[in-house]
């Protein structure tokens, strides 16, 4: 399911002479190269350079930026981190339709929530709704439904641009609506109820201006920069193939999507799966190994040119297998030499920052020769 369009609620705010003061007082002095990057006071956040001749693939953004940490909290079994950066554009998806979200005149900060399971440390991709409500001493300032997002610098997170009421103290209430993908194993009864994490933070324009902005030497070229490390906050990397249970059937690739395919026999993992064997596929980005959630995926197995199995794979969360696509209730028995074909029927329904917005569309099927 594609993320729902955000509902923007703002209260008691006025547009401040903020861009001018920040640009004059800090940003133009932090990296020395901002003017050469094309930034002017009026366009500082609204229209940073975008790589020309972008490929239909993952590419290195023209401009990279850092981020800061506001704090962490727990809510039930969820771990939550709140980070921030400059307001910036991003692209959302509805099916195969892509829509660009631009920075609005009153946007002051790009807030990002990272979400993980505190027992396993696994990042949690959800599509059932996560919202961030911002309050100060006067009450509600703004409220947005945060999109699940993919960023080269920040990995997998939930975010949007937010208006504030100037410098001062705020509280962010991150409301998690529960996890909608199928859950198995130790996750079967977890993440069912809605939870709210509260994180207090101080917004200071000079603090925002300290975030580094840099021009990429190879902007527009195929590839990706590595995500920033944030201590114990996961960026959403998929598990290594050698750490996943079951028989490794092989690796396939479709564009910049990498698939690792496995089969788990019914007697393994406490018999939690209703298929013998259980076919599952772990999908991740080619360069940084970030989980690619919320896609439509179908598997076809052929033997000596004849189709022996078809299955629609279901998005599933499992503490041992991670976020994966599994053939729930379907036996897909494969032998050495069989051909497993994976077809992406719907591209990952996740918003993208620069470097990902042209990727994962119109991809060929991935083929795996079972080893």
Protein backbone atom coordinates (compact mmCIF):
# COMPACT_ATOMS: atom_id res chain seq x y z
CA UNK A 1 0.00 0.00 0.00
CA UNK A 2 1.30 3.45 -0.85
CA UNK A 3 1.72 5.99 1.97
CA UNK A 4 -1.27 8.27 2.45
CA UNK A 5 -0.85 11.92 1.42
CA UNK A 6 0.25 14.02 4.40
CA UNK A 7 -2.15 16.18 6.35
CA UNK A 8 -0.56 19.50 7.18
CA UNK A 9 -1.76 21.24 10.35
CA UNK A 10 -0.09 24.47 11.50
CA UNK A 11 -1.09 26.74 14.34
CA UNK A 12 -0.03 30.18 15.53
CA UNK A 13 2.99 30.67 13.27
CA UNK A 14 4.29 33.53 11.15
CA UNK A 15 7.02 33.54 8.56
CA UNK A 16 10.22 34.90 10.07
CA UNK A 17 13.15 36.67 8.45
CA UNK A 18 14.89 33.37 8.94
CA UNK A 19 16.55 32.48 5.68
CA UNK A 20 18.29 35.81 5.46
CA UNK A 21 19.62 35.76 9.01
CA UNK A 22 20.85 32.18 8.79
CA UNK A 23 22.51 32.67 5.43
CA UNK A 24 24.20 35.88 6.51
CA UNK A 25 25.14 34.64 9.96
CA UNK A 26 26.25 31.09 9.39
CA UNK A 27 25.56 28.99 6.33
CA UNK A 28 27.59 30.90 3.80
CA UNK A 29 30.51 30.65 6.16
CA UNK A 30 30.25 26.96 7.06
CA UNK A 31 31.28 25.39 3.79
CA UNK A 32 32.74 28.33 1.92
CA UNK A 33 31.45 26.81 -1.31
CA UNK A 34 27.72 27.39 -0.98
CA UNK A 35 27.71 30.33 -3.38
CA UNK A 36 29.61 28.24 -5.91
CA UNK A 37 26.99 25.52 -5.42
CA UNK A 38 24.33 27.93 -6.59
CA UNK A 39 22.82 28.80 -3.21
CA UNK A 40 21.41 32.28 -2.73
CA UNK A 41 19.54 33.51 0.34
CA UNK A 42 16.15 33.11 -1.31
CA UNK A 43 16.92 29.70 -2.80
CA UNK A 44 19.11 28.30 -0.04
CA UNK A 45 16.72 25.47 0.85
CA UNK A 46 14.17 25.60 -1.93
CA UNK A 47 16.19 24.66 -4.98
CA UNK A 48 19.68 23.25 -4.33
CA UNK A 49 21.55 21.93 -7.37
CA UNK A 50 20.23 18.73 -8.92
CA UNK A 51 22.54 16.52 -10.96
CA UNK A 52 22.15 16.89 -14.71
CA UNK A 53 21.59 13.90 -17.00
CA UNK A 54 20.53 11.70 -14.12
CA UNK A 55 20.53 7.99 -15.00
CA UNK A 56 17.49 5.76 -14.53
CA UNK A 57 19.36 4.24 -11.63
CA UNK A 58 20.86 5.05 -8.24
CA UNK A 59 23.28 7.96 -8.62
CA UNK A 60 25.51 10.18 -6.49
CA UNK A 61 23.62 13.39 -5.55
CA UNK A 62 25.05 16.74 -6.68
CA UNK A 63 24.96 17.99 -3.10
CA UNK A 64 25.26 16.04 0.15
CA UNK A 65 24.34 17.23 3.59
CA UNK A 66 24.75 16.06 7.14
CA UNK A 67 22.24 15.89 9.94
CA UNK A 68 21.97 16.42 13.68
CA UNK A 69 20.43 14.39 16.49
CA UNK A 70 17.67 15.77 18.72
CA UNK A 71 17.27 12.69 20.90
CA UNK A 72 16.00 9.13 21.33
CA UNK A 73 13.14 7.52 23.22
CA UNK A 74 11.29 4.23 23.59
CA UNK A 75 7.58 3.57 23.22
CA UNK A 76 6.55 0.03 24.07
CA UNK A 77 8.89 -2.17 22.05
CA UNK A 78 9.79 0.61 19.61
CA UNK A 79 13.05 2.52 19.69
CA UNK A 80 12.76 5.99 18.14
CA UNK A 81 15.40 8.56 17.21
CA UNK A 82 14.61 12.10 16.06
CA UNK A 83 17.13 13.73 13.74
CA UNK A 84 17.06 16.92 11.70
CA UNK A 85 18.51 18.63 8.66
CA UNK A 86 17.70 21.45 6.26
CA UNK A 87 14.27 21.42 4.62
CA UNK A 88 14.69 19.82 1.22
CA UNK A 89 12.83 18.33 -1.70
CA UNK A 90 11.88 14.69 -1.99
CA UNK A 91 9.77 12.50 -4.24
CA UNK A 92 6.78 10.37 -3.21
CA UNK A 93 5.27 7.40 -4.98
CA UNK A 94 1.71 6.22 -5.59
CA UNK A 95 1.91 3.04 -7.60
CA UNK A 96 4.21 4.00 -10.47
CA UNK A 97 3.35 7.71 -10.31
CA UNK A 98 6.11 9.89 -8.89
CA UNK A 99 5.43 13.31 -7.33
CA UNK A 100 7.98 15.93 -6.29
CA UNK A 101 7.51 17.65 -2.93
CA UNK A 102 9.21 21.04 -2.86
CA UNK A 103 10.25 23.15 0.10
CA UNK A 104 7.48 25.59 1.05
CA UNK A 105 8.07 29.14 2.21
CA UNK A 106 7.32 28.33 5.86
CA UNK A 107 9.31 25.10 6.15
CA UNK A 108 12.06 25.47 8.76
CA UNK A 109 13.45 21.99 9.31
CA UNK A 110 13.40 18.49 7.86
CA UNK A 111 12.59 16.13 10.73
CA UNK A 112 13.37 12.43 10.51
CA UNK A 113 12.27 9.60 12.79
CA UNK A 114 14.20 6.33 12.77
CA UNK A 115 12.27 3.33 14.06
CA UNK A 116 13.55 -0.02 15.30
CA UNK A 117 12.76 -3.00 17.51
CA UNK A 118 14.52 -2.59 20.85
CA UNK A 119 14.84 -6.38 21.38
CA UNK A 120 16.56 -7.23 18.09
CA UNK A 121 17.86 -3.83 16.94
CA UNK A 122 16.12 -4.33 13.60
CA UNK A 123 14.95 -1.26 11.68
CA UNK A 124 11.20 -1.42 11.07
CA UNK A 125 9.72 -0.48 7.70
CA UNK A 126 6.01 0.27 8.15
CA UNK A 127 3.40 1.70 5.81
CA UNK A 128 0.49 1.99 8.25
CA UNK A 129 1.17 5.52 9.39
CA UNK A 130 3.70 7.42 11.44
CA UNK A 131 3.06 11.06 12.29
CA UNK A 132 5.10 13.74 14.02
CA UNK A 133 3.26 16.35 16.07
CA UNK A 134 5.22 19.43 17.15
CA UNK A 135 4.14 21.38 20.23
CA UNK A 136 5.54 24.25 22.26
CA UNK A 137 4.36 26.17 25.33
CA UNK A 138 1.53 27.70 23.30
CA UNK A 139 0.20 24.34 22.07
CA UNK A 140 0.17 22.69 18.65
CA UNK A 141 2.62 24.16 16.13
CA UNK A 142 2.43 21.64 13.28
CA UNK A 143 1.54 18.06 12.53
CA UNK A 144 2.50 15.97 9.50
CA UNK A 145 2.15 12.36 8.45
CA UNK A 146 5.80 11.37 8.00
CA UNK A 147 6.61 9.47 4.82
CA UNK A 148 8.69 6.30 4.88
CA UNK A 149 11.81 7.53 3.07
CA UNK A 150 15.03 6.34 1.51
CA UNK A 151 18.11 8.55 1.65
CA UNK A 152 21.72 7.81 0.87
CA UNK A 153 22.95 9.82 3.86
CA UNK A 154 20.20 8.88 6.33
CA UNK A 155 19.23 5.39 5.19
CA UNK A 156 15.64 4.32 5.81
CA UNK A 157 13.58 6.71 7.94
CA UNK A 158 10.28 8.60 8.18
CA UNK A 159 10.27 12.31 7.51
CA UNK A 160 8.88 15.53 6.10
CA UNK A 161 9.54 19.27 6.18
CA UNK A 162 8.06 21.10 9.19
CA UNK A 163 7.32 24.74 10.02
CA UNK A 164 8.13 25.97 13.52
CA UNK A 165 7.52 29.12 15.57
CA UNK A 166 11.09 30.35 15.65
CA UNK A 167 13.88 29.53 18.05
CA UNK A 168 12.84 27.88 21.28
CA UNK A 169 11.85 24.71 23.10
CA UNK A 170 9.58 22.12 21.47
CA UNK A 171 8.28 18.63 22.02
CA UNK A 172 7.95 16.15 19.16
CA UNK A 173 5.30 13.47 19.64
CA UNK A 174 6.02 10.60 17.26
CA UNK A 175 2.87 8.52 16.87
CA UNK A 176 3.36 5.00 15.50
CA UNK A 177 0.25 3.39 14.09
CA UNK A 178 1.36 -0.22 14.29
CA UNK A 179 3.09 -2.52 11.81
CA UNK A 180 0.98 -3.70 8.89
CA UNK A 181 3.21 -6.33 7.18
CA UNK A 182 2.69 -9.98 8.03
CA UNK A 183 4.65 -10.91 11.17
CA UNK A 184 6.10 -14.29 12.06
CA UNK A 185 8.18 -15.91 14.79
CA UNK A 186 8.85 -13.68 17.77
CA UNK A 187 7.20 -10.79 15.92
CA UNK A 188 3.85 -12.59 15.49
CA UNK A 189 2.17 -10.82 18.41
CA UNK A 190 4.36 -7.71 18.47
CA UNK A 191 3.77 -4.17 17.18
CA UNK A 192 -0.04 -4.46 17.18
CA UNK A 193 -0.94 -1.41 19.26
CA UNK A 194 -0.33 2.25 18.52
CA UNK A 195 2.42 3.91 20.55
CA UNK A 196 3.67 7.47 21.06
CA UNK A 197 7.25 8.55 21.79
CA UNK A 198 7.90 12.06 23.09
CA UNK A 199 11.23 13.81 22.47
CA UNK A 200 11.96 17.34 23.63
CA UNK A 201 14.32 19.48 21.57
CA UNK A 202 15.62 23.01 21.25
CA UNK A 203 15.44 24.61 17.83
CA UNK A 204 18.21 27.13 17.15
CA UNK A 205 18.88 28.58 13.69
CA UNK A 206 22.63 28.68 14.37
CA UNK A 207 22.56 24.97 15.23
CA UNK A 208 20.89 24.19 11.93
CA UNK A 209 23.49 26.26 10.10
CA UNK A 210 26.27 24.07 11.50
CA UNK A 211 25.14 21.11 9.40
CA UNK A 212 27.66 20.49 6.66
CA UNK A 213 26.73 20.86 3.00
CA UNK A 214 29.21 19.67 0.38
CA UNK A 215 29.37 19.39 -3.38
CA UNK A 216 29.95 15.89 -4.73
CA UNK A 217 32.91 15.47 -7.06
CA UNK A 218 31.08 12.81 -9.07
CA UNK A 219 27.49 14.04 -8.76
CA UNK A 220 25.19 12.39 -11.29
CA UNK A 221 27.36 9.31 -11.75
CA UNK A 222 26.01 5.87 -10.96
CA UNK A 223 26.78 4.87 -7.40
CA UNK A 224 25.94 5.98 -3.89
CA UNK A 225 27.56 7.59 -0.88
CA UNK A 226 27.57 5.57 2.35
CA UNK A 227 24.98 6.40 5.02
CA UNK A 228 26.05 8.28 8.12
CA UNK A 229 26.66 6.22 11.23
CA UNK A 230 24.45 7.20 14.18
CA UNK A 231 25.71 5.04 17.03
CA UNK A 232 23.05 2.52 18.02
CA UNK A 233 20.45 3.91 15.59
CA UNK A 234 20.13 1.48 12.63
CA UNK A 235 20.09 2.88 9.10
CA UNK A 236 18.09 -0.07 7.76
CA UNK A 237 20.75 -2.32 6.26
CA UNK A 238 19.55 -5.80 5.30
CA UNK A 239 21.25 -8.76 7.02
CA UNK A 240 24.22 -10.31 5.23
CA UNK A 241 23.32 -13.38 3.21
CA UNK A 242 25.66 -15.54 5.28
CA UNK A 243 23.73 -14.63 8.46
CA UNK A 244 20.27 -15.58 7.19
CA UNK A 245 18.79 -19.02 7.96
CA UNK A 246 17.81 -21.68 5.45
CA UNK A 247 19.37 -22.93 2.23
CA UNK A 248 20.79 -20.08 0.14
CA UNK A 249 19.38 -20.58 -3.35
CA UNK A 250 21.39 -17.78 -4.94
CA UNK A 251 21.59 -14.09 -5.69
CA UNK A 252 19.86 -12.16 -8.44
CA UNK A 253 19.78 -8.56 -9.56
CA UNK A 254 17.28 -6.29 -11.29
CA UNK A 255 18.81 -2.89 -11.94
CA UNK A 256 19.98 -1.62 -8.55
CA UNK A 257 17.87 -4.13 -6.58
CA UNK A 258 19.73 -7.15 -5.19
CA UNK A 259 17.77 -10.26 -4.21
CA UNK A 260 19.03 -13.01 -1.90
CA UNK A 261 16.77 -16.08 -2.12
CA UNK A 262 16.43 -18.82 0.51
CA UNK A 263 14.39 -21.93 1.31
CA UNK A 264 13.53 -22.93 4.89
CA UNK A 265 12.35 -26.49 5.57
CA UNK A 266 9.22 -26.97 7.69
CA UNK A 267 11.19 -28.39 10.62
CA UNK A 268 13.44 -25.33 10.89
CA UNK A 269 12.81 -22.24 13.01
CA UNK A 270 10.27 -23.96 15.28
CA UNK A 271 8.04 -24.81 12.32
CA UNK A 272 6.71 -21.24 12.17
CA UNK A 273 6.04 -21.29 8.41
CA UNK A 274 3.07 -22.99 6.75
CA UNK A 275 4.96 -24.15 3.67
CA UNK A 276 7.50 -26.90 3.04
CA UNK A 277 9.83 -25.45 2.06
CA UNK A 278 9.21 -21.76 2.75
CA UNK A 279 10.65 -19.61 -0.03
CA UNK A 280 11.74 -16.15 1.01
CA UNK A 281 13.61 -13.31 -0.65
CA UNK A 282 15.58 -10.51 1.02
CA UNK A 283 15.68 -7.37 -1.18
CA UNK A 284 18.22 -4.58 -0.70
CA UNK A 285 19.86 -1.71 -2.56
CA UNK A 286 22.88 -2.61 -4.63
CA UNK A 287 25.37 -0.16 -3.14
CA UNK A 288 24.60 0.21 0.56
CA UNK A 289 22.48 -2.87 1.22
CA UNK A 290 19.50 -0.89 2.55
CA UNK A 291 16.26 -2.86 2.85
CA UNK A 292 13.82 -2.18 -0.01
CA UNK A 293 10.31 -2.50 1.46
CA UNK A 294 6.75 -2.17 0.19
CA UNK A 295 7.18 -3.60 -3.30
CA UNK A 296 5.09 -6.10 -5.22
CA UNK A 297 7.07 -9.26 -5.99
CA UNK A 298 6.22 -12.52 -7.74
CA UNK A 299 8.30 -15.68 -8.06
CA UNK A 300 8.21 -18.29 -10.83
CA UNK A 301 10.20 -21.53 -10.74
CA UNK A 302 10.99 -23.43 -13.94
CA UNK A 303 12.62 -26.81 -14.51
CA UNK A 304 13.78 -27.93 -17.93
CA UNK A 305 11.74 -25.10 -19.45
CA UNK A 306 8.52 -26.07 -17.64
CA UNK A 307 6.92 -23.95 -14.90
CA UNK A 308 6.79 -25.91 -11.65
CA UNK A 309 5.63 -23.17 -9.23
CA UNK A 310 4.22 -19.64 -9.10
CA UNK A 311 3.83 -17.55 -5.97
CA UNK A 312 3.02 -13.99 -5.03
CA UNK A 313 5.47 -13.06 -2.29
CA UNK A 314 4.16 -11.32 0.83
CA UNK A 315 5.92 -8.56 2.79
CA UNK A 316 6.86 -10.15 6.11
CA UNK A 317 8.70 -9.20 9.30
CA UNK A 318 10.56 -11.94 11.15
CA UNK A 319 13.20 -11.55 13.89
CA UNK A 320 15.47 -14.13 12.22
CA UNK A 321 14.79 -13.47 8.53
CA UNK A 322 14.38 -9.69 8.78
CA UNK A 323 12.03 -7.81 6.47
CA UNK A 324 11.52 -10.13 3.52
CA UNK A 325 9.11 -11.31 0.85
CA UNK A 326 7.82 -14.81 1.49
CA UNK A 327 5.67 -17.38 -0.29
CA UNK A 328 3.10 -17.66 2.49
CA UNK A 329 1.12 -20.89 2.27
CA UNK A 330 2.71 -21.98 -1.01
CA UNK A 331 5.15 -24.87 -1.40
CA UNK A 332 7.93 -23.92 -3.80
CA UNK A 333 10.23 -26.91 -3.91
CA UNK A 334 13.38 -26.17 -5.89
CA UNK A 335 16.21 -28.41 -7.07
CA UNK A 336 19.73 -27.62 -8.10
CA UNK A 337 19.70 -26.19 -11.61
CA UNK A 338 16.11 -24.86 -11.45
CA UNK A 339 15.53 -21.30 -12.60
CA UNK A 340 13.91 -18.90 -10.12
CA UNK A 341 12.55 -15.73 -11.73
CA UNK A 342 11.59 -12.72 -9.61
CA UNK A 343 9.32 -10.09 -11.14
CA UNK A 344 8.75 -6.69 -9.51
CA UNK A 345 5.08 -5.91 -10.07
CA UNK A 346 5.06 -2.66 -8.06
CA UNK A 347 8.17 -0.56 -7.34
CA UNK A 348 9.05 0.09 -3.67
CA UNK A 349 6.37 2.44 -2.33
CA UNK A 350 8.80 4.58 -0.39
CA UNK A 351 9.64 8.27 -0.76
CA UNK A 352 13.10 9.08 -2.09
CA UNK A 353 15.71 11.78 -1.64
CA UNK A 354 18.14 12.88 -4.34
CA UNK A 355 20.01 9.91 -5.75
CA UNK A 356 17.13 7.43 -5.46
CA UNK A 357 14.25 9.21 -7.20
CA UNK A 358 15.12 7.84 -10.65
CA UNK A 359 15.79 4.26 -9.49
CA UNK A 360 13.76 1.04 -9.15
CA UNK A 361 11.36 1.72 -12.04
CA UNK A 362 10.67 -0.46 -15.11
CA UNK A 363 13.10 -3.11 -13.98
CA UNK A 364 13.73 -6.40 -15.79
CA UNK A 365 13.08 -9.69 -14.06
CA UNK A 366 15.83 -11.09 -11.90
CA UNK A 367 16.94 -14.63 -12.64
CA UNK A 368 18.56 -17.00 -10.14
CA UNK A 369 19.98 -20.39 -11.08
CA UNK A 370 19.45 -22.51 -7.96
CA UNK A 371 22.79 -23.64 -6.59
